[in-house]
Amino acid sequence: MTPEQRVAWEAEVRSLYHDGMVRIVVTPTWAKLIDFETTLPSAVEELILRREERQRG
């Protein structure tokens, strides 16, 4: 999206809300790449283990 398109898009969206709106900008201070092909996130691994335990009884 070009800067001009972004300005027009934002104006159009703002016109939908009569009581106003705000824009929240999040600037990350770090990032981590999770490779789902070789590594499952620990939360997903834990859910899988719990499911297996329930299925075993």
N, C-alpha and C. Protein backbone atom coordinates (compact mmCIF):
# COMPACT_ATOMS: atom_id res chain seq x y z
N MET A 1 0.85 -1.17 0.00
CA MET A 1 0.00 0.00 0.00
C MET A 1 0.90 1.24 0.00
N THR A 2 0.64 2.13 -0.90
CA THR A 2 1.44 3.36 -0.96
C THR A 2 1.03 4.29 0.19
N PRO A 3 1.89 5.25 0.53
CA PRO A 3 1.52 6.21 1.58
C PRO A 3 0.20 6.93 1.29
N GLU A 4 -0.02 7.28 0.02
CA GLU A 4 -1.26 7.96 -0.36
C GLU A 4 -2.47 7.04 -0.16
N GLN A 5 -2.33 5.78 -0.56
CA GLN A 5 -3.42 4.81 -0.37
C GLN A 5 -3.70 4.60 1.11
N ARG A 6 -2.66 4.57 1.91
CA ARG A 6 -2.83 4.36 3.35
C ARG A 6 -3.61 5.52 3.97
N VAL A 7 -3.30 6.75 3.56
CA VAL A 7 -4.01 7.93 4.07
C VAL A 7 -5.50 7.85 3.68
N ALA A 8 -5.78 7.50 2.44
CA ALA A 8 -7.17 7.39 1.98
C ALA A 8 -7.89 6.26 2.70
N TRP A 9 -7.23 5.13 2.90
CA TRP A 9 -7.83 3.99 3.59
C TRP A 9 -8.15 4.36 5.03
N GLU A 10 -7.21 5.01 5.72
CA GLU A 10 -7.43 5.39 7.10
C GLU A 10 -8.60 6.37 7.21
N ALA A 11 -8.68 7.32 6.30
CA ALA A 11 -9.79 8.28 6.32
C ALA A 11 -11.13 7.56 6.13
N GLU A 12 -11.16 6.60 5.24
CA GLU A 12 -12.39 5.84 5.00
C GLU A 12 -12.80 5.04 6.23
N VAL A 13 -11.84 4.39 6.87
CA VAL A 13 -12.14 3.62 8.07
C VAL A 13 -12.59 4.53 9.20
N ARG A 14 -11.91 5.66 9.38
CA ARG A 14 -12.30 6.61 10.43
C ARG A 14 -13.73 7.10 10.23
N SER A 15 -14.16 7.24 8.99
CA SER A 15 -15.51 7.73 8.73
C SER A 15 -16.59 6.74 9.17
N LEU A 16 -16.21 5.50 9.41
CA LEU A 16 -17.17 4.48 9.84
C LEU A 16 -17.51 4.61 11.32
N TYR A 17 -16.68 5.26 12.10
CA TYR A 17 -16.85 5.34 13.54
C TYR A 17 -17.17 6.77 13.95
N HIS A 18 -18.40 7.01 14.35
CA HIS A 18 -18.82 8.37 14.68
C HIS A 18 -18.24 8.87 16.00
N ASP A 19 -17.89 7.95 16.91
CA ASP A 19 -17.37 8.38 18.21
C ASP A 19 -15.85 8.37 18.26
N GLY A 20 -15.21 8.22 17.14
CA GLY A 20 -13.75 8.30 17.05
C GLY A 20 -13.06 6.96 17.22
N MET A 21 -11.79 6.96 16.97
CA MET A 21 -10.97 5.77 17.11
C MET A 21 -9.53 6.21 17.30
N VAL A 22 -8.69 5.28 17.70
CA VAL A 22 -7.28 5.58 17.87
C VAL A 22 -6.47 4.54 17.10
N ARG A 23 -5.25 4.89 16.81
CA ARG A 23 -4.33 3.94 16.19
C ARG A 23 -3.27 3.61 17.22
N ILE A 24 -3.03 2.33 17.42
CA ILE A 24 -2.01 1.87 18.35
C ILE A 24 -0.86 1.29 17.54
N VAL A 25 0.34 1.79 17.80
CA VAL A 25 1.53 1.32 17.10
C VAL A 25 2.38 0.54 18.09
N VAL A 26 2.75 -0.67 17.71
CA VAL A 26 3.60 -1.51 18.55
C VAL A 26 4.94 -1.65 17.85
N THR A 27 5.99 -1.28 18.52
CA THR A 27 7.34 -1.42 17.98
C THR A 27 8.07 -2.48 18.80
N PRO A 28 8.29 -3.65 18.22
CA PRO A 28 8.95 -4.71 18.98
C PRO A 28 10.40 -4.35 19.29
N THR A 29 10.86 -4.80 20.45
CA THR A 29 12.26 -4.60 20.82
C THR A 29 13.08 -5.84 20.49
N TRP A 30 12.40 -6.96 20.20
CA TRP A 30 13.08 -8.17 19.78
C TRP A 30 12.09 -9.05 19.04
N ALA A 31 12.58 -10.02 18.34
CA ALA A 31 11.73 -10.95 17.60
C ALA A 31 12.38 -12.32 17.63
N LYS A 32 11.55 -13.35 17.56
CA LYS A 32 12.05 -14.72 17.56
C LYS A 32 11.35 -15.47 16.45
N LEU A 33 12.09 -16.21 15.67
CA LEU A 33 11.54 -17.02 14.60
C LEU A 33 11.31 -18.43 15.13
N ILE A 34 10.09 -18.91 14.98
CA ILE A 34 9.77 -20.27 15.40
C ILE A 34 9.56 -21.09 14.13
N ASP A 35 10.37 -22.11 13.97
CA ASP A 35 10.30 -22.98 12.80
C ASP A 35 9.35 -24.12 13.12
N PHE A 36 8.10 -24.02 12.68
CA PHE A 36 7.09 -25.01 12.99
C PHE A 36 7.31 -26.33 12.26
N GLU A 37 8.18 -26.35 11.26
CA GLU A 37 8.45 -27.60 10.55
C GLU A 37 9.37 -28.50 11.35
N THR A 38 10.24 -27.91 12.17
CA THR A 38 11.19 -28.74 12.92
C THR A 38 10.96 -28.67 14.43
N THR A 39 10.28 -27.63 14.91
CA THR A 39 10.11 -27.45 16.34
C THR A 39 8.70 -26.97 16.64
N LEU A 40 8.00 -27.68 17.53
CA LEU A 40 6.71 -27.20 17.99
C LEU A 40 6.91 -26.27 19.17
N PRO A 41 6.10 -25.23 19.29
CA PRO A 41 6.20 -24.39 20.48
C PRO A 41 5.86 -25.22 21.72
N SER A 42 6.47 -24.91 22.84
CA SER A 42 6.28 -25.70 24.06
C SER A 42 4.81 -25.75 24.47
N ALA A 43 4.06 -24.68 24.27
CA ALA A 43 2.64 -24.70 24.64
C ALA A 43 1.88 -25.72 23.81
N VAL A 44 2.21 -25.85 22.53
CA VAL A 44 1.54 -26.83 21.68
C VAL A 44 1.96 -28.24 22.09
N GLU A 45 3.23 -28.43 22.39
CA GLU A 45 3.69 -29.74 22.85
C GLU A 45 2.96 -30.16 24.12
N GLU A 46 2.77 -29.22 25.03
CA GLU A 46 2.07 -29.52 26.28
C GLU A 46 0.62 -29.90 26.02
N LEU A 47 -0.05 -29.20 25.12
CA LEU A 47 -1.43 -29.54 24.78
C LEU A 47 -1.53 -30.93 24.17
N ILE A 48 -0.58 -31.29 23.33
CA ILE A 48 -0.57 -32.62 22.71
C ILE A 48 -0.39 -33.69 23.77
N LEU A 49 0.54 -33.46 24.71
CA LEU A 49 0.76 -34.43 25.79
C LEU A 49 -0.47 -34.59 26.65
N ARG A 50 -1.14 -33.49 26.99
CA ARG A 50 -2.37 -33.57 27.80
C ARG A 50 -3.46 -34.34 27.07
N ARG A 51 -3.58 -34.11 25.77
CA ARG A 51 -4.58 -34.83 24.98
C ARG A 51 -4.30 -36.32 25.00
N GLU A 52 -3.02 -36.69 24.82
CA GLU A 52 -2.65 -38.11 24.83
C GLU A 52 -2.95 -38.73 26.19
N GLU A 53 -2.69 -38.01 27.27
CA GLU A 53 -2.97 -38.51 28.60
C GLU A 53 -4.46 -38.74 28.81
N ARG A 54 -5.28 -37.81 28.32
CA ARG A 54 -6.73 -37.97 28.43
C ARG A 54 -7.21 -39.18 27.64
N GLN A 55 -6.64 -39.39 26.46
CA GLN A 55 -7.06 -40.50 25.61
C GLN A 55 -6.67 -41.85 26.22
N ARG A 56 -5.53 -41.88 26.97
CA ARG A 56 -5.10 -43.13 27.62
C ARG A 56 -5.96 -43.45 28.84
N GLY A 57 -6.57 -42.39 29.40
CA GLY A 57 -7.45 -42.60 30.56
C GLY A 57 -6.76 -42.35 31.79
